[in-house]
């Protein structure tokens, strides 16, 4: 079971398939979605539409970003480990 808790950022992952946001972070993201649609598309989105958009992003798109972050971290750590092994004294 994967457990990631970022209290300051308001993002919680209690298992591999579910991301939970605290109330403040969720409201901030909903506001950002509403601002984006207003500024970029000249459309006013209500709370319901913005909430549905956020849920779609969390459920459908966020896992791909998360997986890419895990892969990038894995790759970075492997490269650093190889660097560490290169300084061995034989």
PDB file of N, CA and C in Angstrom:
ATOM      1  N   UNK A   1       0.839  -1.182   0.000  1.00  0.00           N
ATOM      2  CA  UNK A   1       0.000   0.000   0.000  1.00  0.00           C
ATOM      3  C   UNK A   1       0.881   1.240   0.000  1.00  0.00           C
ATOM      4  N   UNK A   2       0.572   2.165  -0.852  1.00  0.00           N
ATOM      5  CA  UNK A   2       1.324   3.403  -0.997  1.00  0.00           C
ATOM      6  C   UNK A   2       0.706   4.468  -0.112  1.00  0.00           C
ATOM      7  N   UNK A   3       1.524   5.132   0.677  1.00  0.00           N
ATOM      8  CA  UNK A   3       1.028   6.216   1.513  1.00  0.00           C
ATOM      9  C   UNK A   3       1.899   7.433   1.318  1.00  0.00           C
ATOM     10  N   UNK A   4       1.338   8.483   0.791  1.00  0.00           N
ATOM     11  CA  UNK A   4       2.034   9.758   0.643  1.00  0.00           C
ATOM     12  C   UNK A   4       1.161  10.807   1.294  1.00  0.00           C
ATOM     13  N   UNK A   5       1.748  11.545   2.212  1.00  0.00           N
ATOM     14  CA  UNK A   5       0.998  12.604   2.879  1.00  0.00           C
ATOM     15  C   UNK A   5       1.828  13.874   2.818  1.00  0.00           C
ATOM     16  N   UNK A   6       1.286  14.899   2.219  1.00  0.00           N
ATOM     17  CA  UNK A   6       1.907  16.213   2.193  1.00  0.00           C
ATOM     18  C   UNK A   6       0.943  17.154   2.879  1.00  0.00           C
ATOM     19  N   UNK A   7       1.155  17.375   4.151  1.00  0.00           N
ATOM     20  CA  UNK A   7       0.212  18.171   4.918  1.00  0.00           C
ATOM     21  C   UNK A   7       0.162  19.615   4.456  1.00  0.00           C
ATOM     22  N   UNK A   8       1.300  20.218   4.217  1.00  0.00           N
ATOM     23  CA  UNK A   8       1.325  21.627   3.815  1.00  0.00           C
ATOM     24  C   UNK A   8       0.706  21.819   2.443  1.00  0.00           C
ATOM     25  N   UNK A   9       0.960  20.878   1.521  1.00  0.00           N
ATOM     26  CA  UNK A   9       0.423  20.997   0.175  1.00  0.00           C
ATOM     27  C   UNK A   9      -1.024  20.570   0.068  1.00  0.00           C
ATOM     28  N   UNK A  10      -1.506  19.830   1.057  1.00  0.00           N
ATOM     29  CA  UNK A  10      -2.900  19.422   1.056  1.00  0.00           C
ATOM     30  C   UNK A  10      -3.209  18.252   0.158  1.00  0.00           C
ATOM     31  N   UNK A  11      -2.198  17.485  -0.243  1.00  0.00           N
ATOM     32  CA  UNK A  11      -2.417  16.352  -1.130  1.00  0.00           C
ATOM     33  C   UNK A  11      -2.184  15.071  -0.343  1.00  0.00           C
ATOM     34  N   UNK A  12      -3.130  14.159  -0.444  1.00  0.00           N
ATOM     35  CA  UNK A  12      -3.036  12.900   0.277  1.00  0.00           C
ATOM     36  C   UNK A  12      -3.248  11.749  -0.692  1.00  0.00           C
ATOM     37  N   UNK A  13      -2.356  10.759  -0.676  1.00  0.00           N
ATOM     38  CA  UNK A  13      -2.558   9.535  -1.450  1.00  0.00           C
ATOM     39  C   UNK A  13      -2.528   8.381  -0.470  1.00  0.00           C
ATOM     40  N   UNK A  14      -3.663   7.748  -0.267  1.00  0.00           N
ATOM     41  CA  UNK A  14      -3.717   6.656   0.680  1.00  0.00           C
ATOM     42  C   UNK A  14      -3.544   5.305   0.003  1.00  0.00           C
ATOM     43  N   UNK A  15      -3.745   5.227  -1.285  1.00  0.00           N
ATOM     44  CA  UNK A  15      -3.478   4.017  -2.045  1.00  0.00           C
ATOM     45  C   UNK A  15      -3.122   4.408  -3.471  1.00  0.00           C
ATOM     46  N   UNK A  16      -2.894   3.419  -4.319  1.00  0.00           N
ATOM     47  CA  UNK A  16      -2.394   3.707  -5.663  1.00  0.00           C
ATOM     48  C   UNK A  16      -3.410   4.373  -6.578  1.00  0.00           C
ATOM     49  N   UNK A  17      -4.681   4.304  -6.250  1.00  0.00           N
ATOM     50  CA  UNK A  17      -5.670   4.787  -7.202  1.00  0.00           C
ATOM     51  C   UNK A  17      -6.463   6.010  -6.741  1.00  0.00           C
ATOM     52  N   UNK A  18      -6.202   6.524  -5.574  1.00  0.00           N
ATOM     53  CA  UNK A  18      -7.037   7.616  -5.088  1.00  0.00           C
ATOM     54  C   UNK A  18      -6.202   8.751  -4.524  1.00  0.00           C
ATOM     55  N   UNK A  19      -6.444   9.934  -5.022  1.00  0.00           N
ATOM     56  CA  UNK A  19      -5.816  11.150  -4.509  1.00  0.00           C
ATOM     57  C   UNK A  19      -6.905  11.927  -3.790  1.00  0.00           C
ATOM     58  N   UNK A  20      -6.615  12.315  -2.575  1.00  0.00           N
ATOM     59  CA  UNK A  20      -7.570  13.111  -1.805  1.00  0.00           C
ATOM     60  C   UNK A  20      -6.943  14.463  -1.510  1.00  0.00           C
ATOM     61  N   UNK A  21      -7.746  15.500  -1.614  1.00  0.00           N
ATOM     62  CA  UNK A  21      -7.290  16.856  -1.336  1.00  0.00           C
ATOM     63  C   UNK A  21      -7.991  17.366  -0.092  1.00  0.00           C
ATOM     64  N   UNK A  22      -7.262  18.157   0.703  1.00  0.00           N
ATOM     65  CA  UNK A  22      -7.964  18.785   1.824  1.00  0.00           C
ATOM     66  C   UNK A  22      -8.873  19.878   1.265  1.00  0.00           C
ATOM     67  N   UNK A  23      -9.792  20.360   2.081  1.00  0.00           N
ATOM     68  CA  UNK A  23     -10.815  21.301   1.635  1.00  0.00           C
ATOM     69  C   UNK A  23     -10.216  22.574   1.050  1.00  0.00           C
ATOM     70  N   UNK A  24      -9.190  23.109   1.716  1.00  0.00           N
ATOM     71  CA  UNK A  24      -8.581  24.355   1.256  1.00  0.00           C
ATOM     72  C   UNK A  24      -7.917  24.186  -0.112  1.00  0.00           C
ATOM     73  N   UNK A  25      -7.184  23.094  -0.288  1.00  0.00           N
ATOM     74  CA  UNK A  25      -6.495  22.849  -1.565  1.00  0.00           C
ATOM     75  C   UNK A  25      -7.509  22.628  -2.684  1.00  0.00           C
ATOM     76  N   UNK A  26      -8.585  21.902  -2.386  1.00  0.00           N
ATOM     77  CA  UNK A  26      -9.614  21.646  -3.397  1.00  0.00           C
ATOM     78  C   UNK A  26     -10.274  22.954  -3.821  1.00  0.00           C
ATOM     79  N   UNK A  27     -10.604  23.806  -2.861  1.00  0.00           N
ATOM     80  CA  UNK A  27     -11.208  25.099  -3.183  1.00  0.00           C
ATOM     81  C   UNK A  27     -10.262  25.958  -4.009  1.00  0.00           C
ATOM     82  N   UNK A  28      -8.975  25.907  -3.681  1.00  0.00           N
ATOM     83  CA  UNK A  28      -7.967  26.659  -4.438  1.00  0.00           C
ATOM     84  C   UNK A  28      -7.894  26.165  -5.882  1.00  0.00           C
ATOM     85  N   UNK A  29      -7.939  24.862  -6.075  1.00  0.00           N
ATOM     86  CA  UNK A  29      -7.868  24.299  -7.428  1.00  0.00           C
ATOM     87  C   UNK A  29      -9.135  24.592  -8.224  1.00  0.00           C
ATOM     88  N   UNK A  30     -10.287  24.520  -7.574  1.00  0.00           N
ATOM     89  CA  UNK A  30     -11.550  24.851  -8.242  1.00  0.00           C
ATOM     90  C   UNK A  30     -11.529  26.318  -8.683  1.00  0.00           C
ATOM     91  N   UNK A  31     -11.032  27.180  -7.830  1.00  0.00           N
ATOM     92  CA  UNK A  31     -10.915  28.599  -8.173  1.00  0.00           C
ATOM     93  C   UNK A  31      -9.962  28.791  -9.355  1.00  0.00           C
ATOM     94  N   UNK A  32      -8.861  28.044  -9.379  1.00  0.00           N
ATOM     95  CA  UNK A  32      -7.903  28.142 -10.486  1.00  0.00           C
ATOM     96  C   UNK A  32      -8.542  27.693 -11.798  1.00  0.00           C
ATOM     97  N   UNK A  33      -9.352  26.657 -11.756  1.00  0.00           N
ATOM     98  CA  UNK A  33     -10.045  26.184 -12.963  1.00  0.00           C
ATOM     99  C   UNK A  33     -11.024  27.247 -13.449  1.00  0.00           C
ATOM    100  N   UNK A  34     -11.777  27.834 -12.528  1.00  0.00           N
ATOM    101  CA  UNK A  34     -12.728  28.876 -12.897  1.00  0.00           C
ATOM    102  C   UNK A  34     -12.008  30.073 -13.507  1.00  0.00           C
ATOM    103  N   UNK A  35     -10.888  30.476 -12.908  1.00  0.00           N
ATOM    104  CA  UNK A  35     -10.099  31.598 -13.430  1.00  0.00           C
ATOM    105  C   UNK A  35      -9.551  31.286 -14.814  1.00  0.00           C
ATOM    106  N   UNK A  36      -9.066  30.064 -15.006  1.00  0.00           N
ATOM    107  CA  UNK A  36      -8.521  29.678 -16.305  1.00  0.00           C
ATOM    108  C   UNK A  36      -9.590  29.796 -17.396  1.00  0.00           C
ATOM    109  N   UNK A  37     -10.746  29.208 -17.150  1.00  0.00           N
ATOM    110  CA  UNK A  37     -11.794  29.245 -18.167  1.00  0.00           C
ATOM    111  C   UNK A  37     -12.252  30.676 -18.446  1.00  0.00           C
ATOM    112  N   UNK A  38     -12.286  31.494 -17.414  1.00  0.00           N
ATOM    113  CA  UNK A  38     -12.697  32.880 -17.617  1.00  0.00           C
ATOM    114  C   UNK A  38     -11.647  33.651 -18.410  1.00  0.00           C
ATOM    115  N   UNK A  39     -10.381  33.501 -18.043  1.00  0.00           N
ATOM    116  CA  UNK A  39      -9.306  34.271 -18.689  1.00  0.00           C
ATOM    117  C   UNK A  39      -8.926  33.745 -20.064  1.00  0.00           C
ATOM    118  N   UNK A  40      -8.909  32.444 -20.239  1.00  0.00           N
ATOM    119  CA  UNK A  40      -8.429  31.864 -21.497  1.00  0.00           C
ATOM    120  C   UNK A  40      -9.539  31.581 -22.502  1.00  0.00           C
ATOM    121  N   UNK A  41     -10.730  31.288 -22.015  1.00  0.00           N
ATOM    122  CA  UNK A  41     -11.812  30.891 -22.916  1.00  0.00           C
ATOM    123  C   UNK A  41     -13.011  31.840 -22.839  1.00  0.00           C
ATOM    124  N   UNK A  42     -12.918  32.836 -21.952  1.00  0.00           N
ATOM    125  CA  UNK A  42     -13.994  33.803 -21.766  1.00  0.00           C
ATOM    126  C   UNK A  42     -15.320  33.107 -21.432  1.00  0.00           C
ATOM    127  N   UNK A  43     -15.208  32.042 -20.604  1.00  0.00           N
ATOM    128  CA  UNK A  43     -16.375  31.290 -20.157  1.00  0.00           C
ATOM    129  C   UNK A  43     -16.419  31.301 -18.637  1.00  0.00           C
ATOM    130  N   UNK A  44     -17.599  31.491 -18.102  1.00  0.00           N
ATOM    131  CA  UNK A  44     -17.764  31.421 -16.653  1.00  0.00           C
ATOM    132  C   UNK A  44     -18.222  30.026 -16.278  1.00  0.00           C
ATOM    133  N   UNK A  45     -17.427  29.350 -15.465  1.00  0.00           N
ATOM    134  CA  UNK A  45     -17.807  28.037 -14.947  1.00  0.00           C
ATOM    135  C   UNK A  45     -18.290  28.196 -13.522  1.00  0.00           C
ATOM    136  N   UNK A  46     -19.315  27.460 -13.183  1.00  0.00           N
ATOM    137  CA  UNK A  46     -19.808  27.459 -11.819  1.00  0.00           C
ATOM    138  C   UNK A  46     -19.017  26.478 -10.967  1.00  0.00           C
ATOM    139  N   UNK A  47     -19.380  26.419  -9.695  1.00  0.00           N
ATOM    140  CA  UNK A  47     -18.699  25.512  -8.778  1.00  0.00           C
ATOM    141  C   UNK A  47     -18.865  24.054  -9.186  1.00  0.00           C
ATOM    142  N   UNK A  48     -20.068  23.667  -9.609  1.00  0.00           N
ATOM    143  CA  UNK A  48     -20.316  22.274  -9.983  1.00  0.00           C
ATOM    144  C   UNK A  48     -19.465  21.858 -11.179  1.00  0.00           C
ATOM    145  N   UNK A  49     -19.474  22.658 -12.232  1.00  0.00           N
ATOM    146  CA  UNK A  49     -18.694  22.336 -13.427  1.00  0.00           C
ATOM    147  C   UNK A  49     -17.201  22.298 -13.116  1.00  0.00           C
ATOM    148  N   UNK A  50     -16.737  23.235 -12.308  1.00  0.00           N
ATOM    149  CA  UNK A  50     -15.314  23.260 -11.937  1.00  0.00           C
ATOM    150  C   UNK A  50     -14.946  22.061 -11.085  1.00  0.00           C
ATOM    151  N   UNK A  51     -15.839  21.674 -10.184  1.00  0.00           N
ATOM    152  CA  UNK A  51     -15.609  20.508  -9.345  1.00  0.00           C
ATOM    153  C   UNK A  51     -15.564  19.235 -10.186  1.00  0.00           C
ATOM    154  N   UNK A  52     -16.472  19.121 -11.153  1.00  0.00           N
ATOM    155  CA  UNK A  52     -16.466  17.959 -12.043  1.00  0.00           C
ATOM    156  C   UNK A  52     -15.183  17.912 -12.873  1.00  0.00           C
ATOM    157  N   UNK A  53     -14.737  19.068 -13.332  1.00  0.00           N
ATOM    158  CA  UNK A  53     -13.486  19.142 -14.096  1.00  0.00           C
ATOM    159  C   UNK A  53     -12.319  18.698 -13.230  1.00  0.00           C
ATOM    160  N   UNK A  54     -12.265  19.173 -11.996  1.00  0.00           N
ATOM    161  CA  UNK A  54     -11.188  18.785 -11.077  1.00  0.00           C
ATOM    162  C   UNK A  54     -11.227  17.286 -10.809  1.00  0.00           C
ATOM    163  N   UNK A  55     -12.414  16.735 -10.577  1.00  0.00           N
ATOM    164  CA  UNK A  55     -12.519  15.291 -10.346  1.00  0.00           C
ATOM    165  C   UNK A  55     -12.041  14.494 -11.548  1.00  0.00           C
ATOM    166  N   UNK A  56     -12.369  14.960 -12.752  1.00  0.00           N
ATOM    167  CA  UNK A  56     -11.887  14.292 -13.963  1.00  0.00           C
ATOM    168  C   UNK A  56     -10.363  14.311 -14.024  1.00  0.00           C
ATOM    169  N   UNK A  57      -9.781  15.461 -13.753  1.00  0.00           N
ATOM    170  CA  UNK A  57      -8.319  15.584 -13.778  1.00  0.00           C
ATOM    171  C   UNK A  57      -7.687  14.650 -12.758  1.00  0.00           C
ATOM    172  N   UNK A  58      -8.239  14.624 -11.558  1.00  0.00           N
ATOM    173  CA  UNK A  58      -7.689  13.778 -10.493  1.00  0.00           C
ATOM    174  C   UNK A  58      -7.808  12.298 -10.861  1.00  0.00           C
ATOM    175  N   UNK A  59      -8.951  11.890 -11.347  1.00  0.00           N
ATOM    176  CA  UNK A  59      -9.199  10.474 -11.612  1.00  0.00           C
ATOM    177  C   UNK A  59      -8.553   9.979 -12.901  1.00  0.00           C
ATOM    178  N   UNK A  60      -8.553  10.800 -13.927  1.00  0.00           N
ATOM    179  CA  UNK A  60      -8.113  10.338 -15.247  1.00  0.00           C
ATOM    180  C   UNK A  60      -6.700  10.769 -15.630  1.00  0.00           C
ATOM    181  N   UNK A  61      -6.279  11.952 -15.243  1.00  0.00           N
ATOM    182  CA  UNK A  61      -5.004  12.485 -15.706  1.00  0.00           C
ATOM    183  C   UNK A  61      -3.897  12.437 -14.656  1.00  0.00           C
ATOM    184  N   UNK A  62      -4.229  12.731 -13.419  1.00  0.00           N
ATOM    185  CA  UNK A  62      -3.211  12.815 -12.363  1.00  0.00           C
ATOM    186  C   UNK A  62      -2.386  11.538 -12.205  1.00  0.00           C
ATOM    187  N   UNK A  63      -2.977  10.339 -12.324  1.00  0.00           N
ATOM    188  CA  UNK A  63      -2.153   9.135 -12.181  1.00  0.00           C
ATOM    189  C   UNK A  63      -1.003   9.064 -13.194  1.00  0.00           C
ATOM    190  N   UNK A  64      -1.213   9.579 -14.386  1.00  0.00           N
ATOM    191  CA  UNK A  64      -0.140   9.578 -15.386  1.00  0.00           C
ATOM    192  C   UNK A  64       0.985  10.517 -14.981  1.00  0.00           C
ATOM    193  N   UNK A  65       0.636  11.691 -14.470  1.00  0.00           N
ATOM    194  CA  UNK A  65       1.655  12.629 -13.998  1.00  0.00           C
ATOM    195  C   UNK A  65       2.410  12.042 -12.810  1.00  0.00           C
ATOM    196  N   UNK A  66       1.677  11.411 -11.923  1.00  0.00           N
ATOM    197  CA  UNK A  66       2.293  10.788 -10.757  1.00  0.00           C
ATOM    198  C   UNK A  66       3.267   9.692 -11.190  1.00  0.00           C
ATOM    199  N   UNK A  67       2.806   8.820 -12.090  1.00  0.00           N
ATOM    200  CA  UNK A  67       3.667   7.730 -12.568  1.00  0.00           C
ATOM    201  C   UNK A  67       4.914   8.269 -13.252  1.00  0.00           C
ATOM    202  N   UNK A  68       4.780   9.338 -14.012  1.00  0.00           N
ATOM    203  CA  UNK A  68       5.948   9.929 -14.662  1.00  0.00           C
ATOM    204  C   UNK A  68       6.911  10.477 -13.624  1.00  0.00           C
ATOM    205  N   UNK A  69       6.396  11.075 -12.566  1.00  0.00           N
ATOM    206  CA  UNK A  69       7.241  11.578 -11.484  1.00  0.00           C
ATOM    207  C   UNK A  69       7.982  10.456 -10.779  1.00  0.00           C
ATOM    208  N   UNK A  70       7.291   9.338 -10.555  1.00  0.00           N
ATOM    209  CA  UNK A  70       7.940   8.173  -9.935  1.00  0.00           C
ATOM    210  C   UNK A  70       9.047   7.657 -10.842  1.00  0.00           C
ATOM    211  N   UNK A  71       8.761   7.537 -12.137  1.00  0.00           N
ATOM    212  CA  UNK A  71       9.766   7.047 -13.079  1.00  0.00           C
ATOM    213  C   UNK A  71      10.966   7.990 -13.140  1.00  0.00           C
ATOM    214  N   UNK A  72      10.714   9.299 -13.214  1.00  0.00           N
ATOM    215  CA  UNK A  72      11.807  10.270 -13.258  1.00  0.00           C
ATOM    216  C   UNK A  72      12.667  10.193 -11.992  1.00  0.00           C
ATOM    217  N   UNK A  73      12.033  10.021 -10.835  1.00  0.00           N
ATOM    218  CA  UNK A  73      12.778   9.885  -9.580  1.00  0.00           C
ATOM    219  C   UNK A  73      13.616   8.618  -9.578  1.00  0.00           C
ATOM    220  N   UNK A  74      13.040   7.533 -10.046  1.00  0.00           N
ATOM    221  CA  UNK A  74      13.753   6.259 -10.128  1.00  0.00           C
ATOM    222  C   UNK A  74      14.979   6.383 -11.031  1.00  0.00           C
ATOM    223  N   UNK A  75      14.778   6.978 -12.190  1.00  0.00           N
ATOM    224  CA  UNK A  75      15.870   7.168 -13.144  1.00  0.00           C
ATOM    225  C   UNK A  75      16.975   8.046 -12.546  1.00  0.00           C
ATOM    226  N   UNK A  76      16.587   9.132 -11.899  1.00  0.00           N
ATOM    227  CA  UNK A  76      17.544  10.046 -11.274  1.00  0.00           C
ATOM    228  C   UNK A  76      18.347   9.325 -10.190  1.00  0.00           C
ATOM    229  N   UNK A  77      17.667   8.584  -9.342  1.00  0.00           N
ATOM    230  CA  UNK A  77      18.361   7.879  -8.257  1.00  0.00           C
ATOM    231  C   UNK A  77      19.311   6.819  -8.811  1.00  0.00           C
ATOM    232  N   UNK A  78      18.924   6.133  -9.867  1.00  0.00           N
ATOM    233  CA  UNK A  78      19.818   5.149 -10.480  1.00  0.00           C
ATOM    234  C   UNK A  78      21.072   5.819 -11.048  1.00  0.00           C
ATOM    235  N   UNK A  79      20.896   6.963 -11.672  1.00  0.00           N
ATOM    236  CA  UNK A  79      22.054   7.691 -12.207  1.00  0.00           C
ATOM    237  C   UNK A  79      22.985   8.133 -11.086  1.00  0.00           C
ATOM    238  N   UNK A  80      22.422   8.609  -9.980  1.00  0.00           N
ATOM    239  CA  UNK A  80      23.254   9.032  -8.843  1.00  0.00           C
ATOM    240  C   UNK A  80      23.964   7.845  -8.206  1.00  0.00           C
ATOM    241  N   UNK A  81      23.311   6.695  -8.155  1.00  0.00           N
ATOM    242  CA  UNK A  81      23.938   5.497  -7.596  1.00  0.00           C
ATOM    243  C   UNK A  81      25.124   5.080  -8.457  1.00  0.00           C
ATOM    244  N   UNK A  82      24.976   5.147  -9.762  1.00  0.00           N
ATOM    245  CA  UNK A  82      26.091   4.813 -10.646  1.00  0.00           C
ATOM    246  C   UNK A  82      27.253   5.772 -10.435  1.00  0.00           C
ATOM    247  N   UNK A  83      26.965   7.060 -10.232  1.00  0.00           N
ATOM    248  CA  UNK A  83      28.002   8.036  -9.959  1.00  0.00           C
ATOM    249  C   UNK A  83      28.740   7.681  -8.664  1.00  0.00           C
ATOM    250  N   UNK A  84      27.996   7.266  -7.664  1.00  0.00           N
ATOM    251  CA  UNK A  84      28.582   6.906  -6.378  1.00  0.00           C
ATOM    252  C   UNK A  84      29.515   5.709  -6.525  1.00  0.00           C
ATOM    253  N   UNK A  85      29.121   4.718  -7.288  1.00  0.00           N
ATOM    254  CA  UNK A  85      29.952   3.534  -7.485  1.00  0.00           C
ATOM    255  C   UNK A  85      31.244   3.862  -8.238  1.00  0.00           C
ATOM    256  N   UNK A  86      31.241   4.921  -9.028  1.00  0.00           N
ATOM    257  CA  UNK A  86      32.434   5.267  -9.795  1.00  0.00           C
ATOM    258  C   UNK A  86      33.565   5.805  -8.931  1.00  0.00           C
ATOM    259  N   UNK A  87      33.288   6.169  -7.702  1.00  0.00           N
ATOM    260  CA  UNK A  87      34.363   6.707  -6.834  1.00  0.00           C
ATOM    261  C   UNK A  87      34.959   5.647  -5.906  1.00  0.00           C
ATOM    262  N   UNK A  88      34.610   4.395  -6.124  1.00  0.00           N
ATOM    263  CA  UNK A  88      35.179   3.328  -5.306  1.00  0.00           C
ATOM    264  C   UNK A  88      36.681   3.246  -5.512  1.00  0.00           C
ATOM    265  N   UNK A  89      37.374   2.871  -4.437  1.00  0.00           N
ATOM    266  CA  UNK A  89      38.806   2.624  -4.512  1.00  0.00           C
ATOM    267  C   UNK A  89      39.004   1.117  -4.592  1.00  0.00           C
ATOM    268  N   UNK A  90      39.720   0.669  -5.600  1.00  0.00           N
ATOM    269  CA  UNK A  90      39.925  -0.781  -5.789  1.00  0.00           C
ATOM    270  C   UNK A  90      41.234  -1.202  -5.206  1.00  0.00           C
TER     271      UNK A  90
END
